[in-house]
C-alpha cells in the first residue's frame, strides 16, 4: 500500500501537468506545416514564338486551418514576375495580373495550371530549354517563403490551351 501511495505521489503531478495545455496558439501554428508545393514546372521557351516570357505551374496544399495566399514570386532568370489569371474581358479570355494573390483555402488545394492561375516570368534574361532548372521563390501571406529549383519542361498542350480564345457563337 505504501508503494502504491508513493507511486501515485510521484506520478500524479506528472500526469496532471500533461493534462493541462500551456500551448499557445503561436506554438500550435508553428507545429502546423505551411503550404506544401508539389509538381512545379516551368514552360520551356526554346521553339516558342516569344522567348522573353514563360509561366510556372504548380500545386499548393494548405494543411492548416486558416486560408493562406500566395502573394508574390521572384526569380533571378526574369526581370519581372507576377501572379496571373485568365479572365473574360469584353468577350475574350485575357491573361491579367491576379489582384490579391492566389488563395489556398484551409485544408485544401490550389492548382496553378495552363489556362488558369499561373506565375508569369517576363523579361527573361535568356531562353529556357527542357532540362534547365529555374530558381523560384514563393512568398505567402503567413510570412513563409519557399525557395524552389523548378524543372523546365516542354509545353505539350497546344498554344490554344495556354492563351484560350472564346468559342464563336
C-alpha atoms as a PDB file:
ATOM      1  CA  UNK A   1       0.000   0.000   0.000  1.00  0.00           C
ATOM      2  CA  UNK A   2       2.856   2.381   0.822  1.00  0.00           C
ATOM      3  CA  UNK A   3       4.415   1.563  -2.572  1.00  0.00           C
ATOM      4  CA  UNK A   4       1.156   2.412  -4.360  1.00  0.00           C
ATOM      5  CA  UNK A   5       0.803   5.697  -2.457  1.00  0.00           C
ATOM      6  CA  UNK A   6       4.428   6.613  -3.228  1.00  0.00           C
ATOM      7  CA  UNK A   7       3.940   5.802  -6.925  1.00  0.00           C
ATOM      8  CA  UNK A   8       0.788   7.929  -7.070  1.00  0.00           C
ATOM      9  CA  UNK A   9       2.507  10.795  -5.245  1.00  0.00           C
ATOM     10  CA  UNK A  10       5.329  10.801  -7.814  1.00  0.00           C
ATOM     11  CA  UNK A  11       3.230  10.128 -10.916  1.00  0.00           C
ATOM     12  CA  UNK A  12       0.227  12.363 -10.184  1.00  0.00           C
ATOM     13  CA  UNK A  13       1.977  15.741 -10.673  1.00  0.00           C
ATOM     14  CA  UNK A  14       3.497  14.489 -13.929  1.00  0.00           C
ATOM     15  CA  UNK A  15       0.141  13.229 -15.199  1.00  0.00           C
ATOM     16  CA  UNK A  16      -1.682  16.395 -14.191  1.00  0.00           C
ATOM     17  CA  UNK A  17       0.893  18.654 -15.838  1.00  0.00           C
ATOM     18  CA  UNK A  18       0.448  16.798 -19.124  1.00  0.00           C
ATOM     19  CA  UNK A  19      -3.356  17.135 -18.949  1.00  0.00           C
ATOM     20  CA  UNK A  20      -3.308  20.930 -18.929  1.00  0.00           C
ATOM     21  CA  UNK A  21      -2.215  22.703 -22.073  1.00  0.00           C
ATOM     22  CA  UNK A  22       0.267  25.517 -21.869  1.00  0.00           C
ATOM     23  CA  UNK A  23       0.487  25.524 -25.664  1.00  0.00           C
ATOM     24  CA  UNK A  24      -0.209  28.969 -27.054  1.00  0.00           C
ATOM     25  CA  UNK A  25      -1.859  29.463 -30.470  1.00  0.00           C
ATOM     26  CA  UNK A  26       1.535  30.573 -31.815  1.00  0.00           C
ATOM     27  CA  UNK A  27       3.116  27.288 -30.710  1.00  0.00           C
ATOM     28  CA  UNK A  28       0.305  25.290 -32.344  1.00  0.00           C
ATOM     29  CA  UNK A  29       0.675  27.296 -35.568  1.00  0.00           C
ATOM     30  CA  UNK A  30       4.412  26.679 -35.545  1.00  0.00           C
ATOM     31  CA  UNK A  31       3.751  22.925 -35.427  1.00  0.00           C
ATOM     32  CA  UNK A  32       1.350  23.060 -38.411  1.00  0.00           C
ATOM     33  CA  UNK A  33       3.319  22.867 -41.657  1.00  0.00           C
ATOM     34  CA  UNK A  34       2.953  25.751 -44.077  1.00  0.00           C
ATOM     35  CA  UNK A  35       1.711  25.443 -47.617  1.00  0.00           C
ATOM     36  CA  UNK A  36       3.169  22.433 -49.424  1.00  0.00           C
ATOM     37  CA  UNK A  37       4.381  22.868 -53.016  1.00  0.00           C
ATOM     38  CA  UNK A  38       4.263  19.959 -55.474  1.00  0.00           C
ATOM     39  CA  UNK A  39       4.564  19.236 -59.192  1.00  0.00           C
ATOM     40  CA  UNK A  40       6.214  22.566 -60.035  1.00  0.00           C
ATOM     41  CA  UNK A  41       7.425  23.124 -63.592  1.00  0.00           C
ATOM     42  CA  UNK A  42       8.256  25.977 -65.950  1.00  0.00           C
ATOM     43  CA  UNK A  43       7.321  26.070 -69.618  1.00  0.00           C
ATOM     44  CA  UNK A  44      10.332  25.930 -71.959  1.00  0.00           C
ATOM     45  CA  UNK A  45      10.729  28.928 -74.284  1.00  0.00           C
ATOM     46  CA  UNK A  46      13.000  27.306 -76.857  1.00  0.00           C
ATOM     47  CA  UNK A  47      10.926  26.957 -80.033  1.00  0.00           C
ATOM     48  CA  UNK A  48       8.132  29.298 -78.906  1.00  0.00           C
ATOM     49  CA  UNK A  49       7.031  32.481 -80.683  1.00  0.00           C
ATOM     50  CA  UNK A  50       8.043  34.699 -77.760  1.00  0.00           C
ATOM     51  CA  UNK A  51      11.127  33.598 -75.810  1.00  0.00           C
ATOM     52  CA  UNK A  52      11.023  36.617 -73.466  1.00  0.00           C
ATOM     53  CA  UNK A  53       8.285  35.238 -71.233  1.00  0.00           C
ATOM     54  CA  UNK A  54       7.024  31.981 -69.828  1.00  0.00           C
ATOM     55  CA  UNK A  55       4.991  30.642 -66.929  1.00  0.00           C
ATOM     56  CA  UNK A  56       5.432  28.417 -63.892  1.00  0.00           C
ATOM     57  CA  UNK A  57       2.775  25.959 -62.793  1.00  0.00           C
ATOM     58  CA  UNK A  58       2.411  24.017 -59.532  1.00  0.00           C
ATOM     59  CA  UNK A  59       0.065  22.593 -56.932  1.00  0.00           C
ATOM     60  CA  UNK A  60      -0.311  24.119 -53.471  1.00  0.00           C
ATOM     61  CA  UNK A  61      -1.730  22.248 -50.475  1.00  0.00           C
ATOM     62  CA  UNK A  62      -2.671  24.014 -47.257  1.00  0.00           C
ATOM     63  CA  UNK A  63      -2.834  21.595 -44.299  1.00  0.00           C
ATOM     64  CA  UNK A  64      -3.628  24.423 -41.882  1.00  0.00           C
ATOM     65  CA  UNK A  65      -6.946  25.638 -40.519  1.00  0.00           C
ATOM     66  CA  UNK A  66      -6.672  29.143 -41.991  1.00  0.00           C
ATOM     67  CA  UNK A  67      -6.641  30.346 -45.584  1.00  0.00           C
ATOM     68  CA  UNK A  68      -3.212  31.337 -46.915  1.00  0.00           C
ATOM     69  CA  UNK A  69      -2.463  33.317 -50.068  1.00  0.00           C
ATOM     70  CA  UNK A  70       0.427  33.078 -52.461  1.00  0.00           C
ATOM     71  CA  UNK A  71       1.166  36.802 -52.640  1.00  0.00           C
ATOM     72  CA  UNK A  72       4.278  37.001 -54.822  1.00  0.00           C
ATOM     73  CA  UNK A  73       7.086  35.169 -56.554  1.00  0.00           C
ATOM     74  CA  UNK A  74      10.594  36.115 -57.657  1.00  0.00           C
ATOM     75  CA  UNK A  75      13.240  34.561 -59.880  1.00  0.00           C
ATOM     76  CA  UNK A  76      16.695  35.734 -60.951  1.00  0.00           C
ATOM     77  CA  UNK A  77      16.036  34.486 -64.529  1.00  0.00           C
ATOM     78  CA  UNK A  78      13.291  37.096 -65.087  1.00  0.00           C
ATOM     79  CA  UNK A  79      13.187  40.863 -64.995  1.00  0.00           C
ATOM     80  CA  UNK A  80       9.611  40.724 -63.702  1.00  0.00           C
ATOM     81  CA  UNK A  81       7.499  38.012 -62.051  1.00  0.00           C
ATOM     82  CA  UNK A  82       3.744  38.337 -61.495  1.00  0.00           C
ATOM     83  CA  UNK A  83       0.858  36.145 -60.397  1.00  0.00           C
ATOM     84  CA  UNK A  84      -1.584  35.901 -63.310  1.00  0.00           C
ATOM     85  CA  UNK A  85      -5.061  34.617 -64.032  1.00  0.00           C
ATOM     86  CA  UNK A  86      -7.151  34.056 -67.125  1.00  0.00           C
ATOM     87  CA  UNK A  87     -10.305  36.175 -67.136  1.00  0.00           C
ATOM     88  CA  UNK A  88     -13.127  37.030 -69.530  1.00  0.00           C
ATOM     89  CA  UNK A  89     -12.874  40.636 -70.690  1.00  0.00           C
ATOM     90  CA  UNK A  90     -15.022  42.132 -73.469  1.00  0.00           C
ATOM     91  CA  UNK A  91     -16.000  38.640 -74.603  1.00  0.00           C
ATOM     92  CA  UNK A  92     -12.407  37.392 -74.812  1.00  0.00           C
ATOM     93  CA  UNK A  93     -10.226  35.380 -72.471  1.00  0.00           C
ATOM     94  CA  UNK A  94      -7.268  37.502 -71.436  1.00  0.00           C
ATOM     95  CA  UNK A  95      -4.310  36.986 -69.170  1.00  0.00           C
ATOM     96  CA  UNK A  96      -4.020  39.585 -66.404  1.00  0.00           C
ATOM     97  CA  UNK A  97      -2.305  40.113 -63.085  1.00  0.00           C
ATOM     98  CA  UNK A  98      -4.232  38.437 -60.249  1.00  0.00           C
ATOM     99  CA  UNK A  99      -5.078  41.095 -57.682  1.00  0.00           C
ATOM    100  CA  UNK A 100      -4.697  39.924 -54.091  1.00  0.00           C
ATOM    101  CA  UNK A 101      -2.769  36.758 -54.918  1.00  0.00           C
ATOM    102  CA  UNK A 102      -3.782  33.119 -55.191  1.00  0.00           C
ATOM    103  CA  UNK A 103      -5.921  31.817 -52.324  1.00  0.00           C
ATOM    104  CA  UNK A 104      -5.102  28.406 -50.886  1.00  0.00           C
ATOM    105  CA  UNK A 105      -8.151  27.510 -48.760  1.00  0.00           C
ATOM    106  CA  UNK A 106      -7.689  25.932 -45.319  1.00  0.00           C
ATOM    107  CA  UNK A 107      -7.234  22.158 -45.510  1.00  0.00           C
ATOM    108  CA  UNK A 108      -7.471  22.312 -49.299  1.00  0.00           C
ATOM    109  CA  UNK A 109      -5.568  22.939 -52.542  1.00  0.00           C
ATOM    110  CA  UNK A 110      -4.946  25.475 -55.287  1.00  0.00           C
ATOM    111  CA  UNK A 111      -3.598  24.482 -58.681  1.00  0.00           C
ATOM    112  CA  UNK A 112      -1.673  26.854 -60.905  1.00  0.00           C
ATOM    113  CA  UNK A 113      -2.076  25.437 -64.394  1.00  0.00           C
ATOM    114  CA  UNK A 114      -2.130  26.377 -68.084  1.00  0.00           C
ATOM    115  CA  UNK A 115      -5.329  28.272 -68.877  1.00  0.00           C
ATOM    116  CA  UNK A 116      -5.798  29.223 -65.197  1.00  0.00           C
ATOM    117  CA  UNK A 117      -3.848  30.893 -62.424  1.00  0.00           C
ATOM    118  CA  UNK A 118      -0.090  30.782 -63.014  1.00  0.00           C
ATOM    119  CA  UNK A 119       3.177  32.534 -62.230  1.00  0.00           C
ATOM    120  CA  UNK A 120       4.307  34.674 -65.171  1.00  0.00           C
ATOM    121  CA  UNK A 121       8.047  35.121 -65.705  1.00  0.00           C
ATOM    122  CA  UNK A 122       8.651  38.103 -68.002  1.00  0.00           C
ATOM    123  CA  UNK A 123      11.691  39.827 -69.484  1.00  0.00           C
ATOM    124  CA  UNK A 124      13.634  36.567 -69.357  1.00  0.00           C
ATOM    125  CA  UNK A 125      17.402  37.027 -69.388  1.00  0.00           C
ATOM    126  CA  UNK A 126      17.872  34.007 -71.691  1.00  0.00           C
ATOM    127  CA  UNK A 127      15.752  31.307 -73.356  1.00  0.00           C
ATOM    128  CA  UNK A 128      14.808  28.299 -71.211  1.00  0.00           C
ATOM    129  CA  UNK A 129      15.206  24.795 -72.595  1.00  0.00           C
ATOM    130  CA  UNK A 130      13.912  21.470 -71.290  1.00  0.00           C
ATOM    131  CA  UNK A 131      16.206  20.176 -68.573  1.00  0.00           C
ATOM    132  CA  UNK A 132      17.127  23.618 -67.230  1.00  0.00           C
ATOM    133  CA  UNK A 133      16.236  24.484 -63.635  1.00  0.00           C
ATOM    134  CA  UNK A 134      14.746  27.822 -62.643  1.00  0.00           C
ATOM    135  CA  UNK A 135      15.243  29.204 -59.126  1.00  0.00           C
ATOM    136  CA  UNK A 136      11.856  30.424 -57.894  1.00  0.00           C
ATOM    137  CA  UNK A 137      10.932  31.915 -54.520  1.00  0.00           C
ATOM    138  CA  UNK A 138       7.292  31.909 -53.441  1.00  0.00           C
ATOM    139  CA  UNK A 139       6.049  34.248 -50.707  1.00  0.00           C
ATOM    140  CA  UNK A 140       2.865  33.547 -48.747  1.00  0.00           C
ATOM    141  CA  UNK A 141       0.555  35.709 -46.619  1.00  0.00           C
ATOM    142  CA  UNK A 142       1.579  33.800 -43.472  1.00  0.00           C
ATOM    143  CA  UNK A 143       5.113  35.225 -43.903  1.00  0.00           C
ATOM    144  CA  UNK A 144       6.555  31.916 -45.106  1.00  0.00           C
ATOM    145  CA  UNK A 145       8.613  31.500 -48.248  1.00  0.00           C
ATOM    146  CA  UNK A 146       9.585  28.536 -50.398  1.00  0.00           C
ATOM    147  CA  UNK A 147      12.855  28.528 -52.337  1.00  0.00           C
ATOM    148  CA  UNK A 148      12.496  26.104 -55.234  1.00  0.00           C
ATOM    149  CA  UNK A 149      14.565  24.772 -58.131  1.00  0.00           C
ATOM    150  CA  UNK A 150      11.880  24.218 -60.764  1.00  0.00           C
ATOM    151  CA  UNK A 151      12.479  21.988 -63.795  1.00  0.00           C
ATOM    152  CA  UNK A 152      11.869  23.388 -67.267  1.00  0.00           C
ATOM    153  CA  UNK A 153       9.655  21.152 -69.401  1.00  0.00           C
ATOM    154  CA  UNK A 154       8.284  21.150 -72.914  1.00  0.00           C
ATOM    155  CA  UNK A 155       4.766  22.510 -73.057  1.00  0.00           C
ATOM    156  CA  UNK A 156       2.851  19.587 -74.530  1.00  0.00           C
ATOM    157  CA  UNK A 157      -0.577  21.185 -74.934  1.00  0.00           C
ATOM    158  CA  UNK A 158      -1.489  23.313 -77.905  1.00  0.00           C
ATOM    159  CA  UNK A 159      -0.940  27.064 -77.704  1.00  0.00           C
ATOM    160  CA  UNK A 160      -4.724  27.490 -77.753  1.00  0.00           C
ATOM    161  CA  UNK A 161      -4.949  25.996 -74.237  1.00  0.00           C
ATOM    162  CA  UNK A 162      -2.395  28.398 -72.845  1.00  0.00           C
ATOM    163  CA  UNK A 163      -3.986  31.507 -74.339  1.00  0.00           C
ATOM    164  CA  UNK A 164      -7.581  30.387 -74.888  1.00  0.00           C
ATOM    165  CA  UNK A 165      -9.902  32.303 -77.179  1.00  0.00           C
ATOM    166  CA  UNK A 166     -13.677  32.232 -76.862  1.00  0.00           C
ATOM    167  CA  UNK A 167     -15.675  29.783 -78.921  1.00  0.00           C
ATOM    168  CA  UNK A 168     -17.553  31.584 -81.750  1.00  0.00           C
ATOM    169  CA  UNK A 169     -21.318  31.633 -81.215  1.00  0.00           C
END
